[in-house]
Amino acid sequence: MIFESNNFYIEQELSQIPWLKIFTKEPFKELSDCPLAIQNELFALILECEKALRDFYKPEKINIASFANYVPRVHFHIMARFKEDEFFPECMWGKPQRQKVTLDLPKFSDFTEFLKGRLQ
């Protein structure tokens, strides 16, 4: 776990790219099940994670997704995307567009500290 508050926690998705997952602590099935205050706090957290990824990694694009079919609870994926990543411009669940490469990115552990500083 990267970060935890009263209502949310953030985890890393192990991937070629910097990828965060934000979960509500209470297992709401749908976003509309969340009280308005939780929705507002969640969107503020998503935006802060997006800004942190942009500032730290300087990606080509940020992807934000929420499917929740396999994990039927409210959670969001925030991903920093790069032209050189294996799937770009397709989604990370799609068909690879090139052979796997190692991206030359700053360490995720350094990003974690950067993000925590912004979320305090």
N, C-alpha and C. Protein backbone atom coordinates (compact mmCIF):
# COMPACT_ATOMS: atom_id res chain seq x y z
N MET A 1 0.84 -1.17 0.00
CA MET A 1 0.00 0.00 0.00
C MET A 1 0.89 1.24 0.00
N ILE A 2 0.54 2.18 -0.86
CA ILE A 2 1.32 3.41 -0.99
C ILE A 2 0.83 4.49 -0.06
N PHE A 3 -0.50 4.60 0.08
CA PHE A 3 -1.10 5.69 0.85
C PHE A 3 -2.43 5.20 1.39
N GLU A 4 -2.80 5.73 2.56
CA GLU A 4 -4.08 5.39 3.15
C GLU A 4 -4.64 6.62 3.86
N SER A 5 -5.94 6.84 3.68
CA SER A 5 -6.66 7.89 4.41
C SER A 5 -7.86 7.23 5.08
N ASN A 6 -8.73 8.03 5.64
CA ASN A 6 -9.92 7.46 6.29
C ASN A 6 -10.82 6.71 5.32
N ASN A 7 -10.88 7.19 4.08
CA ASN A 7 -11.85 6.63 3.13
C ASN A 7 -11.25 5.88 1.95
N PHE A 8 -9.92 6.00 1.75
CA PHE A 8 -9.30 5.43 0.55
C PHE A 8 -7.94 4.82 0.85
N TYR A 9 -7.50 3.98 -0.09
CA TYR A 9 -6.10 3.55 -0.09
C TYR A 9 -5.64 3.46 -1.53
N ILE A 10 -4.33 3.63 -1.70
CA ILE A 10 -3.71 3.61 -3.02
C ILE A 10 -2.69 2.49 -3.06
N GLU A 11 -2.74 1.70 -4.13
CA GLU A 11 -1.79 0.62 -4.36
C GLU A 11 -1.10 0.83 -5.70
N GLN A 12 0.03 0.16 -5.86
CA GLN A 12 0.72 0.13 -7.14
C GLN A 12 0.27 -1.10 -7.91
N GLU A 13 0.02 -0.94 -9.19
CA GLU A 13 -0.16 -2.08 -10.10
C GLU A 13 1.21 -2.34 -10.70
N LEU A 14 1.72 -3.53 -10.52
CA LEU A 14 3.03 -3.86 -11.09
C LEU A 14 2.92 -3.91 -12.59
N SER A 15 3.70 -3.09 -13.25
CA SER A 15 3.59 -2.93 -14.69
C SER A 15 4.86 -2.28 -15.23
N GLN A 16 4.95 -2.25 -16.52
CA GLN A 16 6.05 -1.56 -17.20
C GLN A 16 5.96 -0.06 -16.99
N ILE A 17 4.77 0.44 -16.78
CA ILE A 17 4.53 1.88 -16.63
C ILE A 17 4.18 2.21 -15.17
N PRO A 18 4.32 3.46 -14.76
CA PRO A 18 3.83 3.88 -13.44
C PRO A 18 2.30 3.81 -13.42
N TRP A 19 1.77 3.02 -12.48
CA TRP A 19 0.33 2.72 -12.49
C TRP A 19 -0.15 2.66 -11.06
N LEU A 20 -1.14 3.50 -10.75
CA LEU A 20 -1.74 3.54 -9.43
C LEU A 20 -3.16 3.01 -9.48
N LYS A 21 -3.61 2.46 -8.35
CA LYS A 21 -5.01 2.05 -8.19
C LYS A 21 -5.52 2.68 -6.90
N ILE A 22 -6.64 3.38 -6.98
CA ILE A 22 -7.26 3.99 -5.81
C ILE A 22 -8.54 3.22 -5.50
N PHE A 23 -8.67 2.78 -4.25
CA PHE A 23 -9.83 2.02 -3.80
C PHE A 23 -10.56 2.77 -2.69
N THR A 24 -11.88 2.67 -2.68
CA THR A 24 -12.63 3.13 -1.51
C THR A 24 -12.47 2.05 -0.45
N LYS A 25 -12.36 2.46 0.81
CA LYS A 25 -12.26 1.47 1.88
C LYS A 25 -13.58 0.72 2.05
N GLU A 26 -14.67 1.46 1.98
CA GLU A 26 -15.96 0.81 2.04
C GLU A 26 -16.23 0.20 0.66
N PRO A 27 -16.67 -1.05 0.61
CA PRO A 27 -16.80 -1.73 -0.69
C PRO A 27 -18.06 -1.34 -1.48
N PHE A 28 -18.12 -0.07 -1.90
CA PHE A 28 -19.23 0.37 -2.75
C PHE A 28 -19.12 -0.36 -4.09
N LYS A 29 -20.24 -0.84 -4.59
CA LYS A 29 -20.22 -1.54 -5.87
C LYS A 29 -20.13 -0.58 -7.04
N GLU A 30 -20.87 0.50 -7.00
CA GLU A 30 -20.90 1.48 -8.09
C GLU A 30 -20.57 2.86 -7.55
N LEU A 31 -20.05 3.70 -8.41
CA LEU A 31 -19.70 5.06 -8.02
C LEU A 31 -20.92 5.80 -7.47
N SER A 32 -22.08 5.57 -8.06
CA SER A 32 -23.30 6.24 -7.60
C SER A 32 -23.75 5.75 -6.23
N ASP A 33 -23.18 4.64 -5.74
CA ASP A 33 -23.46 4.17 -4.38
C ASP A 33 -22.70 4.97 -3.33
N CYS A 34 -21.65 5.65 -3.76
CA CYS A 34 -20.84 6.44 -2.83
C CYS A 34 -21.58 7.72 -2.45
N PRO A 35 -21.54 8.11 -1.17
CA PRO A 35 -22.08 9.42 -0.79
C PRO A 35 -21.33 10.52 -1.56
N LEU A 36 -22.00 11.64 -1.76
CA LEU A 36 -21.43 12.74 -2.53
C LEU A 36 -20.08 13.19 -1.97
N ALA A 37 -19.95 13.24 -0.66
CA ALA A 37 -18.68 13.67 -0.07
C ALA A 37 -17.55 12.70 -0.44
N ILE A 38 -17.84 11.41 -0.48
CA ILE A 38 -16.84 10.40 -0.88
C ILE A 38 -16.51 10.57 -2.36
N GLN A 39 -17.52 10.80 -3.20
CA GLN A 39 -17.28 11.03 -4.63
C GLN A 39 -16.35 12.22 -4.84
N ASN A 40 -16.64 13.32 -4.15
CA ASN A 40 -15.83 14.53 -4.29
C ASN A 40 -14.40 14.29 -3.83
N GLU A 41 -14.25 13.61 -2.70
CA GLU A 41 -12.90 13.31 -2.19
C GLU A 41 -12.16 12.37 -3.15
N LEU A 42 -12.87 11.41 -3.71
CA LEU A 42 -12.27 10.48 -4.66
C LEU A 42 -11.77 11.21 -5.91
N PHE A 43 -12.58 12.08 -6.47
CA PHE A 43 -12.15 12.79 -7.68
C PHE A 43 -10.99 13.73 -7.39
N ALA A 44 -10.98 14.34 -6.22
CA ALA A 44 -9.83 15.18 -5.85
C ALA A 44 -8.57 14.34 -5.74
N LEU A 45 -8.68 13.13 -5.20
CA LEU A 45 -7.54 12.23 -5.08
C LEU A 45 -7.06 11.75 -6.44
N ILE A 46 -7.99 11.42 -7.32
CA ILE A 46 -7.64 11.02 -8.69
C ILE A 46 -6.86 12.13 -9.38
N LEU A 47 -7.37 13.34 -9.29
CA LEU A 47 -6.71 14.48 -9.94
C LEU A 47 -5.33 14.74 -9.34
N GLU A 48 -5.19 14.61 -8.04
CA GLU A 48 -3.87 14.83 -7.43
C GLU A 48 -2.88 13.75 -7.87
N CYS A 49 -3.35 12.51 -7.99
CA CYS A 49 -2.48 11.43 -8.49
C CYS A 49 -2.09 11.69 -9.93
N GLU A 50 -3.04 12.14 -10.75
CA GLU A 50 -2.73 12.47 -12.15
C GLU A 50 -1.67 13.56 -12.22
N LYS A 51 -1.86 14.62 -11.46
CA LYS A 51 -0.90 15.74 -11.47
C LYS A 51 0.47 15.28 -11.00
N ALA A 52 0.51 14.44 -9.98
CA ALA A 52 1.80 13.94 -9.47
C ALA A 52 2.51 13.10 -10.53
N LEU A 53 1.79 12.21 -11.20
CA LEU A 53 2.39 11.41 -12.27
C LEU A 53 2.90 12.31 -13.39
N ARG A 54 2.13 13.31 -13.74
CA ARG A 54 2.55 14.24 -14.81
C ARG A 54 3.80 15.01 -14.41
N ASP A 55 3.81 15.53 -13.20
CA ASP A 55 4.94 16.34 -12.75
C ASP A 55 6.20 15.50 -12.59
N PHE A 56 6.06 14.29 -12.10
CA PHE A 56 7.23 13.46 -11.80
C PHE A 56 7.78 12.75 -13.03
N TYR A 57 6.90 12.16 -13.84
CA TYR A 57 7.34 11.33 -14.96
C TYR A 57 7.30 12.02 -16.33
N LYS A 58 6.55 13.09 -16.47
CA LYS A 58 6.41 13.78 -17.76
C LYS A 58 5.95 12.82 -18.86
N PRO A 59 4.85 12.10 -18.64
CA PRO A 59 4.40 11.13 -19.65
C PRO A 59 3.79 11.79 -20.88
N GLU A 60 3.63 10.99 -21.89
CA GLU A 60 2.94 11.43 -23.11
C GLU A 60 1.46 11.67 -22.82
N LYS A 61 0.88 10.81 -21.96
CA LYS A 61 -0.56 10.86 -21.69
C LYS A 61 -0.81 10.19 -20.36
N ILE A 62 -1.89 10.58 -19.70
CA ILE A 62 -2.39 9.89 -18.51
C ILE A 62 -3.66 9.16 -18.90
N ASN A 63 -3.78 7.91 -18.49
CA ASN A 63 -5.02 7.15 -18.68
C ASN A 63 -5.66 6.95 -17.32
N ILE A 64 -6.96 7.15 -17.27
CA ILE A 64 -7.74 6.90 -16.05
C ILE A 64 -8.86 5.95 -16.45
N ALA A 65 -9.00 4.86 -15.69
CA ALA A 65 -10.00 3.85 -16.03
C ALA A 65 -10.69 3.32 -14.79
N SER A 66 -11.92 2.89 -14.97
CA SER A 66 -12.68 2.24 -13.91
C SER A 66 -13.65 1.27 -14.55
N PHE A 67 -13.27 0.00 -14.59
CA PHE A 67 -14.15 -1.01 -15.16
C PHE A 67 -14.86 -1.79 -14.06
N ALA A 68 -14.10 -2.29 -13.11
CA ALA A 68 -14.62 -2.97 -11.92
C ALA A 68 -15.49 -4.18 -12.24
N ASN A 69 -15.13 -4.91 -13.27
CA ASN A 69 -15.85 -6.15 -13.55
C ASN A 69 -15.24 -7.32 -12.79
N TYR A 70 -13.92 -7.41 -12.77
CA TYR A 70 -13.25 -8.48 -12.03
C TYR A 70 -13.18 -8.19 -10.55
N VAL A 71 -13.02 -6.93 -10.21
CA VAL A 71 -13.02 -6.49 -8.81
C VAL A 71 -14.24 -5.58 -8.67
N PRO A 72 -15.41 -6.17 -8.32
CA PRO A 72 -16.66 -5.40 -8.36
C PRO A 72 -16.82 -4.44 -7.18
N ARG A 73 -15.94 -3.47 -7.14
CA ARG A 73 -16.02 -2.41 -6.14
C ARG A 73 -15.42 -1.16 -6.75
N VAL A 74 -15.75 -0.02 -6.20
CA VAL A 74 -15.27 1.24 -6.75
C VAL A 74 -13.76 1.33 -6.61
N HIS A 75 -13.11 1.46 -7.75
CA HIS A 75 -11.67 1.74 -7.77
C HIS A 75 -11.32 2.32 -9.14
N PHE A 76 -10.24 3.08 -9.16
CA PHE A 76 -9.78 3.74 -10.37
C PHE A 76 -8.32 3.40 -10.62
N HIS A 77 -7.98 3.28 -11.89
CA HIS A 77 -6.61 3.07 -12.34
C HIS A 77 -6.12 4.39 -12.92
N ILE A 78 -4.94 4.83 -12.51
CA ILE A 78 -4.33 6.04 -13.06
C ILE A 78 -2.96 5.63 -13.58
N MET A 79 -2.74 5.79 -14.89
CA MET A 79 -1.54 5.26 -15.53
C MET A 79 -0.81 6.36 -16.30
N ALA A 80 0.50 6.40 -16.14
CA ALA A 80 1.34 7.29 -16.93
C ALA A 80 1.76 6.53 -18.19
N ARG A 81 1.43 7.08 -19.35
CA ARG A 81 1.69 6.38 -20.61
C ARG A 81 2.78 7.09 -21.40
N PHE A 82 3.55 6.26 -22.12
CA PHE A 82 4.69 6.75 -22.90
C PHE A 82 4.63 6.16 -24.29
N LYS A 83 5.05 6.94 -25.29
CA LYS A 83 5.04 6.45 -26.68
C LYS A 83 5.81 5.14 -26.82
N GLU A 84 6.80 4.94 -25.98
CA GLU A 84 7.65 3.75 -26.09
C GLU A 84 7.11 2.55 -25.31
N ASP A 85 6.04 2.73 -24.51
CA ASP A 85 5.58 1.57 -23.73
C ASP A 85 5.00 0.50 -24.65
N GLU A 86 4.93 -0.68 -24.13
CA GLU A 86 4.59 -1.86 -24.93
C GLU A 86 3.23 -1.76 -25.62
N PHE A 87 2.28 -1.05 -25.04
CA PHE A 87 0.92 -1.04 -25.55
C PHE A 87 0.51 0.27 -26.23
N PHE A 88 1.26 1.33 -26.04
CA PHE A 88 0.87 2.66 -26.54
C PHE A 88 0.69 2.64 -28.06
N PRO A 89 -0.36 3.19 -28.60
CA PRO A 89 -1.39 4.02 -27.98
C PRO A 89 -2.60 3.23 -27.49
N GLU A 90 -2.57 1.92 -27.58
CA GLU A 90 -3.68 1.09 -27.10
C GLU A 90 -3.73 1.12 -25.57
N CYS A 91 -4.83 0.61 -25.01
CA CYS A 91 -4.95 0.55 -23.56
C CYS A 91 -4.05 -0.57 -23.03
N MET A 92 -3.75 -0.52 -21.76
CA MET A 92 -2.85 -1.49 -21.14
C MET A 92 -3.45 -2.89 -21.09
N TRP A 93 -4.73 -3.04 -21.29
CA TRP A 93 -5.37 -4.35 -21.30
C TRP A 93 -5.51 -4.86 -22.74
N GLY A 94 -5.03 -4.10 -23.70
CA GLY A 94 -5.20 -4.43 -25.11
C GLY A 94 -4.07 -5.28 -25.65
N LYS A 95 -3.90 -5.18 -26.94
CA LYS A 95 -2.89 -5.95 -27.66
C LYS A 95 -1.57 -5.16 -27.67
N PRO A 96 -0.46 -5.81 -27.31
CA PRO A 96 0.83 -5.11 -27.38
C PRO A 96 1.10 -4.59 -28.79
N GLN A 97 1.70 -3.42 -28.84
CA GLN A 97 2.01 -2.77 -30.11
C GLN A 97 3.46 -2.94 -30.52
N ARG A 98 4.29 -3.41 -29.61
CA ARG A 98 5.71 -3.60 -29.88
C ARG A 98 6.24 -4.58 -28.85
N GLN A 99 7.43 -5.08 -29.10
CA GLN A 99 8.04 -5.98 -28.13
C GLN A 99 8.34 -5.22 -26.86
N LYS A 100 8.28 -5.94 -25.77
CA LYS A 100 8.50 -5.32 -24.46
C LYS A 100 9.87 -4.67 -24.42
N VAL A 101 9.87 -3.43 -23.95
CA VAL A 101 11.11 -2.68 -23.77
C VAL A 101 11.19 -2.26 -22.31
N THR A 102 12.37 -1.92 -21.88
CA THR A 102 12.54 -1.37 -20.54
C THR A 102 12.57 0.14 -20.67
N LEU A 103 11.60 0.78 -20.05
CA LEU A 103 11.54 2.24 -20.10
C LEU A 103 12.56 2.82 -19.13
N ASP A 104 13.20 3.87 -19.53
CA ASP A 104 14.19 4.54 -18.69
C ASP A 104 13.48 5.61 -17.86
N LEU A 105 12.90 5.19 -16.73
CA LEU A 105 12.10 6.07 -15.90
C LEU A 105 12.70 6.16 -14.49
N PRO A 106 12.42 7.26 -13.80
CA PRO A 106 12.83 7.32 -12.39
C PRO A 106 12.19 6.18 -11.60
N LYS A 107 12.81 5.82 -10.49
CA LYS A 107 12.32 4.71 -9.67
C LYS A 107 10.93 5.02 -9.11
N PHE A 108 10.09 3.99 -9.11
CA PHE A 108 8.74 4.15 -8.57
C PHE A 108 8.79 4.47 -7.08
N SER A 109 9.77 3.94 -6.37
CA SER A 109 9.88 4.24 -4.94
C SER A 109 10.12 5.73 -4.71
N ASP A 110 10.85 6.38 -5.60
CA ASP A 110 11.04 7.83 -5.50
C ASP A 110 9.73 8.56 -5.78
N PHE A 111 8.96 8.06 -6.75
CA PHE A 111 7.66 8.65 -7.02
C PHE A 111 6.73 8.49 -5.82
N THR A 112 6.78 7.33 -5.19
CA THR A 112 5.93 7.09 -4.02
C THR A 112 6.16 8.15 -2.94
N GLU A 113 7.41 8.46 -2.68
CA GLU A 113 7.72 9.50 -1.69
C GLU A 113 7.22 10.86 -2.16
N PHE A 114 7.39 11.15 -3.43
CA PHE A 114 6.91 12.39 -4.03
C PHE A 114 5.40 12.51 -3.85
N LEU A 115 4.68 11.43 -4.16
CA LEU A 115 3.22 11.43 -4.05
C LEU A 115 2.78 11.60 -2.60
N LYS A 116 3.38 10.87 -1.71
CA LYS A 116 3.02 10.97 -0.29
C LYS A 116 3.18 12.40 0.21
N GLY A 117 4.24 13.05 -0.21
CA GLY A 117 4.45 14.44 0.19
C GLY A 117 3.33 15.35 -0.30
N ARG A 118 2.80 15.06 -1.46
CA ARG A 118 1.71 15.89 -2.00
C ARG A 118 0.37 15.58 -1.36
N LEU A 119 0.21 14.37 -0.84
CA LEU A 119 -1.08 13.96 -0.29
C LEU A 119 -1.19 14.23 1.20
N GLN A 120 -0.11 14.61 1.86
CA GLN A 120 -0.15 14.88 3.30
C GLN A 120 -0.89 16.14 3.61
